[in-house]
Protein backbone atom coordinates (compact mmCIF):
# COMPACT_ATOMS: atom_id res chain seq x y z
CA MET A 1 25.23 -31.76 23.42
CA SER A 2 29.03 -32.43 22.88
CA ALA A 3 31.65 -33.19 25.36
CA ILE A 4 35.11 -31.76 25.57
CA GLY A 5 37.12 -33.66 28.03
CA GLU A 6 34.99 -33.92 31.08
CA ARG A 7 33.17 -30.66 30.33
CA VAL A 8 29.77 -30.86 28.54
CA VAL A 9 28.99 -28.03 26.18
CA PRO A 10 25.31 -27.48 25.03
CA ALA A 11 24.89 -27.45 21.41
CA VAL A 12 24.31 -23.92 20.00
CA SER A 13 21.01 -23.41 18.02
CA PRO A 14 20.23 -20.33 16.06
CA HIS A 15 17.74 -18.01 17.69
CA PHE A 16 15.80 -17.52 14.26
CA GLN A 17 14.82 -20.37 11.93
CA TRP A 18 14.39 -18.48 8.80
CA SER A 19 12.92 -21.28 6.87
CA ALA A 20 9.90 -21.13 9.19
CA ILE A 21 9.86 -17.38 9.06
CA LEU A 22 9.94 -17.38 5.24
CA GLY A 23 7.24 -19.99 5.12
CA GLY A 24 4.92 -17.97 7.38
CA ALA A 25 5.65 -14.76 5.39
CA ALA A 26 4.85 -16.48 2.19
CA ALA A 27 1.55 -17.67 3.49
CA ALA A 28 0.76 -14.21 5.05
CA ALA A 29 1.54 -12.46 1.76
CA GLY A 30 -0.60 -15.14 -0.36
CA THR A 31 -3.46 -14.67 2.04
CA SER A 32 -3.19 -10.86 1.82
CA ILE A 33 -3.13 -10.84 -1.97
CA THR A 34 -5.96 -13.21 -2.22
CA LEU A 35 -8.20 -11.23 0.17
CA ASN A 36 -7.16 -7.97 -1.35
CA ALA A 37 -8.10 -9.31 -4.72
CA PHE A 38 -11.55 -10.21 -3.44
CA GLY A 39 -11.85 -6.84 -1.80
CA ALA A 40 -10.95 -4.98 -5.05
CA GLY A 41 -13.50 -7.21 -6.95
CA ILE A 42 -16.40 -6.11 -4.64
CA GLY A 43 -14.98 -2.58 -4.46
CA LEU A 44 -13.66 -2.66 -0.86
CA SER A 45 -9.93 -2.00 -1.76
CA VAL A 46 -8.49 1.29 -0.49
CA VAL A 47 -6.35 1.55 -3.68
CA SER A 48 -9.56 1.42 -5.79
CA PRO A 49 -9.61 4.31 -8.35
CA THR A 50 -13.10 5.32 -7.13
CA TRP A 51 -12.29 5.04 -3.54
CA ARG A 52 -11.55 8.82 -3.16
CA ASP A 53 -14.88 9.63 -4.81
CA SER A 54 -16.88 7.77 -2.20
CA SER A 55 -18.62 8.70 0.90
CA ALA A 56 -17.04 8.61 4.43
CA VAL A 57 -19.07 5.53 5.22
CA TYR A 58 -17.47 3.65 2.40
CA ALA A 59 -13.89 4.79 3.39
CA PHE A 60 -14.71 3.51 6.79
CA ILE A 61 -15.84 0.17 5.57
CA ALA A 62 -12.80 -0.10 3.29
CA GLY A 63 -10.57 0.62 6.11
CA VAL A 64 -12.22 -1.95 8.27
CA PHE A 65 -11.85 -4.53 5.55
CA LEU A 66 -8.03 -3.65 5.43
CA LEU A 67 -7.81 -4.26 9.09
CA PHE A 68 -9.59 -7.68 8.66
CA VAL A 69 -7.01 -8.59 5.95
CA ALA A 70 -4.18 -7.74 8.16
CA ILE A 71 -5.49 -9.65 11.07
CA VAL A 72 -6.24 -12.70 9.05
CA SER A 73 -2.93 -12.56 7.08
CA PHE A 74 -0.57 -12.10 9.92
CA ALA A 75 -2.42 -14.48 12.17
CA ILE A 76 -2.01 -17.24 9.53
CA GLY A 77 1.69 -16.22 8.95
CA GLY A 78 2.64 -15.84 12.70
CA TYR A 79 1.07 -19.23 13.60
CA ILE A 80 2.84 -21.05 10.74
CA ALA A 81 6.18 -19.54 11.45
CA ALA A 82 6.00 -20.70 15.19
CA ARG A 83 4.37 -24.02 14.44
CA MET A 84 7.01 -25.02 11.92
CA ARG A 85 9.87 -24.00 14.13
CA ALA A 86 11.76 -26.88 15.55
CA PRO A 87 11.18 -27.38 19.40
CA LEU A 88 13.90 -26.45 21.72
CA ASN A 89 14.62 -27.89 25.18
CA ILE A 90 14.79 -24.48 26.95
CA ASP A 91 12.79 -22.71 29.56
CA PRO A 92 9.05 -22.35 28.52
CA ALA A 93 9.13 -18.64 29.03
CA GLU A 94 12.15 -18.31 26.65
CA SER A 95 10.63 -20.55 24.14
CA GLU A 96 7.42 -18.40 24.04
CA PHE A 97 9.50 -15.34 23.66
CA ARG A 98 11.31 -16.90 20.79
CA ASP A 99 8.03 -17.81 19.08
CA GLY A 100 6.79 -14.37 19.49
CA MET A 101 10.01 -13.09 17.80
CA HIS A 102 9.43 -15.41 15.05
CA GLY A 103 5.98 -13.78 14.46
CA LEU A 104 7.47 -10.36 14.73
CA ALA A 105 10.08 -11.44 11.96
CA THR A 106 7.27 -12.87 9.77
CA TRP A 107 5.41 -9.54 10.02
CA GLY A 108 8.54 -7.65 8.89
CA VAL A 109 9.45 -10.10 6.05
CA THR A 110 5.87 -10.05 4.85
CA ILE A 111 5.91 -6.23 4.70
CA VAL A 112 9.19 -6.11 2.75
CA LEU A 113 7.80 -8.83 0.48
CA ALA A 114 4.62 -6.83 -0.32
CA ALA A 115 6.67 -3.74 -0.80
CA VAL A 116 8.91 -5.51 -3.36
CA LEU A 117 5.87 -6.86 -5.19
CA ALA A 118 4.33 -3.33 -5.27
CA LEU A 119 7.48 -1.80 -6.52
CA GLY A 120 7.74 -4.41 -9.27
CA ALA A 121 4.05 -3.91 -10.33
CA ALA A 122 4.70 -0.09 -10.43
CA ALA A 123 7.87 -0.66 -12.60
CA VAL A 124 6.05 -2.80 -15.03
CA ALA A 125 3.20 -0.20 -15.20
CA THR A 126 5.87 2.56 -15.84
CA SER A 127 7.76 0.67 -18.54
CA ALA A 128 4.48 -0.08 -20.44
CA SER A 129 3.84 3.66 -20.73
CA VAL A 130 7.32 4.65 -21.88
CA SER A 131 8.22 4.78 -25.52
CA SER A 132 10.90 2.69 -26.89
CA ASP A 133 13.45 5.58 -27.18
CA GLY A 134 12.93 6.39 -23.50
CA LYS A 135 11.62 10.10 -24.17
CA ALA A 136 8.49 9.70 -22.18
CA PHE A 137 10.47 8.53 -19.10
CA GLN A 138 12.85 11.42 -19.41
CA SER A 139 9.95 13.89 -19.64
CA VAL A 140 8.09 12.54 -16.57
CA ALA A 141 11.37 12.48 -14.59
CA GLY A 142 12.37 16.01 -15.73
CA GLU A 143 9.04 17.64 -14.93
CA THR A 144 8.37 16.02 -11.54
CA ILE A 145 9.53 19.12 -9.64
CA ILE A 146 9.71 22.01 -12.11
CA ALA A 147 6.78 21.35 -14.34
CA THR A 148 4.92 24.59 -13.83
CA GLN A 149 8.20 26.54 -14.38
CA LEU A 150 8.70 24.88 -17.67
CA ASP A 151 5.04 25.68 -18.55
CA ASP A 152 5.78 29.37 -17.75
CA LEU A 153 8.99 29.10 -19.91
CA PHE A 154 7.33 27.96 -23.07
CA ARG A 155 3.89 29.51 -22.70
CA THR A 156 2.47 30.92 -25.88
CA GLY A 157 -0.91 31.80 -27.31
CA LYS A 158 -0.33 29.89 -30.50
CA VAL A 159 -2.05 26.50 -31.19
CA VAL A 160 0.07 23.52 -30.21
CA ASP A 161 -1.20 20.51 -32.07
CA ASP A 162 -0.73 18.16 -29.03
CA ILE A 163 -3.83 17.61 -27.01
CA VAL A 164 -1.95 15.34 -24.63
CA TYR A 165 0.42 18.28 -23.75
CA ARG A 166 -2.55 20.65 -23.32
CA ARG A 167 -4.34 18.41 -20.99
CA ALA A 168 -1.17 17.90 -18.79
CA GLU A 169 -0.49 21.60 -18.73
CA ALA A 170 -4.25 22.28 -17.72
CA ALA A 171 -3.99 19.68 -15.09
CA ARG A 172 -0.93 21.38 -13.63
CA ILE A 173 -2.61 24.57 -13.64
CA LEU A 174 -5.88 23.37 -11.99
CA LEU A 175 -3.79 21.54 -9.28
CA LYS A 176 -3.20 25.05 -8.11
CA SER A 177 -6.86 25.24 -7.21
CA SER A 178 -6.16 23.54 -3.87
CA SER A 179 -3.69 26.05 -2.79
CA HIS A 180 -4.31 28.80 -0.33
CA ASN A 181 -4.43 31.39 -3.00
CA GLY A 182 -6.19 29.30 -5.69
CA VAL A 183 -5.55 29.49 -9.40
CA PRO A 184 -3.73 32.89 -10.24
CA ASN A 185 -5.60 35.29 -12.54
CA GLU A 186 -2.75 35.04 -15.21
CA ASP A 187 -3.03 31.30 -15.32
CA ARG A 188 -6.84 31.55 -15.37
CA ARG A 189 -6.68 33.94 -18.32
CA TYR A 190 -4.16 31.68 -20.20
CA LEU A 191 -6.21 28.65 -19.53
CA THR A 192 -9.34 30.42 -20.79
CA ALA A 193 -7.55 31.49 -24.01
CA MET A 194 -6.31 27.97 -24.66
CA THR A 195 -9.55 26.51 -23.98
CA GLY A 196 -11.22 28.83 -26.45
CA ILE A 197 -8.57 27.96 -29.09
CA VAL A 198 -8.63 24.15 -28.66
CA ALA A 199 -12.26 23.76 -28.04
CA GLY A 200 -13.27 26.28 -30.64
CA VAL A 201 -15.62 28.16 -28.38
CA SER A 202 -16.25 31.68 -27.54
CA GLU A 203 -14.25 33.63 -24.75
CA THR A 204 -17.46 33.65 -22.59
CA GLU A 205 -18.03 29.82 -22.96
CA ALA A 206 -14.26 29.12 -22.39
CA ALA A 207 -14.28 31.30 -19.11
CA THR A 208 -17.50 29.38 -17.90
CA ARG A 209 -15.76 26.05 -18.58
CA VAL A 210 -12.65 27.13 -16.70
CA ASP A 211 -14.49 28.42 -13.75
CA HIS A 212 -16.51 25.08 -13.47
CA ALA A 213 -13.37 23.03 -13.96
CA THR A 214 -11.43 25.10 -11.26
CA ALA A 215 -14.31 24.58 -8.77
CA ALA A 216 -14.70 20.94 -9.52
CA ALA A 217 -10.92 20.45 -9.45
CA LYS A 218 -10.70 22.07 -5.78
CA GLU A 219 -13.38 19.86 -4.65
CA THR A 220 -12.00 16.79 -6.10
CA LEU A 221 -8.52 17.64 -4.68
CA HIS A 222 -9.96 18.15 -1.19
CA ARG A 223 -11.68 14.83 -1.20
CA ALA A 224 -8.56 13.16 -2.43
CA ARG A 225 -6.52 14.79 0.34
CA VAL A 226 -9.01 13.64 2.97
CA ALA A 227 -9.13 10.22 1.59
CA ALA A 228 -5.27 9.87 1.52
CA VAL A 229 -5.17 10.88 5.14
CA VAL A 230 -7.96 8.31 6.04
CA GLN A 231 -6.20 5.75 3.92
CA ALA A 232 -2.82 6.35 5.58
CA PHE A 233 -4.47 6.07 9.09
CA PHE A 234 -5.98 2.63 8.22
CA VAL A 235 -2.70 1.32 6.67
CA ALA A 236 -0.71 2.40 9.70
CA ALA A 237 -3.52 0.86 12.02
CA ALA A 238 -3.55 -2.37 10.03
CA LEU A 239 0.38 -2.61 10.38
CA PHE A 240 0.29 -1.98 14.03
CA VAL A 241 -2.58 -4.50 14.58
CA GLY A 242 -0.55 -6.93 12.46
CA VAL A 243 2.40 -6.71 14.93
CA VAL A 244 0.15 -7.60 17.83
CA VAL A 245 -1.74 -10.38 15.88
CA ALA A 246 1.64 -11.89 14.50
CA TRP A 247 3.00 -12.04 17.94
CA TYR A 248 -0.02 -13.56 19.57
CA ALA A 249 -0.60 -16.05 16.78
CA ALA A 250 3.11 -17.19 16.89
CA THR A 251 2.87 -17.81 20.64
CA GLU A 252 -0.27 -19.85 20.18
CA GLY A 253 1.48 -21.79 17.27
CA GLY A 254 4.41 -22.34 19.72
CA ARG A 255 2.18 -23.72 22.50
CA ASP A 256 0.34 -26.05 20.14
CA ARG A 257 3.74 -27.31 18.85
CA GLU A 258 5.07 -28.02 22.34
CA ARG A 259 1.75 -29.79 23.32
CA GLY A 260 1.60 -31.69 20.01
CA GLU A 261 -1.92 -30.35 19.34
CA TYR A 262 -3.59 -29.52 16.05
CA HIS A 263 -6.86 -27.94 15.08
CA PHE A 264 -9.78 -29.17 12.85
CA TRP A 265 -11.83 -26.53 11.23
CA ASP A 266 -14.77 -26.85 13.61
CA TRP A 267 -16.43 -24.03 15.75
CA SER A 268 -16.31 -26.01 19.01
CA GLY A 269 -12.98 -24.67 20.03
CA ARG A 270 -11.67 -28.14 20.95
CA ARG A 271 -8.05 -29.24 20.34
CA ARG A 272 -7.22 -32.87 19.39
CA PRO A 273 -3.95 -34.23 20.31
CA GLY A 274 -1.52 -35.24 17.40
């Protein structure tokens, strides 16, 4: 409080205390990374390479684990953000609302922090696969949208001594198996010819391989599409649940702060005054 003449002016305090919010977000992100690392170790991560090849039961269990990670992480982050906030001599309802907003801000900062870390990891992985002259990056960037058109432009029946390119071209053809019309006959004939040349097998054997690969690719792409939908649902559900948990945990942390109470790790639910 400060006085100007005979008028008393209340000291203005910021609505958000970012040091507490950043501390809660750091705790939430650290908890999330730790639990996700544990989940990846036992095969419960939704980003596991084998997740799309698993059953619906496994997908459900992995999604439930993702919800568990969100609940624990945002509960810890929201509680810390509100508990570490300096108390204000204001109306209890307003104080509780500000604590909840601190939890909400912690939720948002945690998501941004996780996104930055994910982008950084993706950038490192990309740079590791790029040659020193940058040609690999230019190739990937240039073929992202018009890859099949480039394949048609340079298509030839001659042997190209580059198995990496042949595998990539075959992959782009097989990706068409998930479309409504499937792999066109022209592409199927071309892939059969290239398989016979590269593998050194007869036309009949090459056609059999192409038919098998096309059917398997269609099934794999279907499972991947379904898994992507399930994964997106659980990610969205985890983020939505995280908002609620962060808000509730922050209000609980604010109540404990105002009462001067702290918890021991026991299961009795009793609170001991500080």
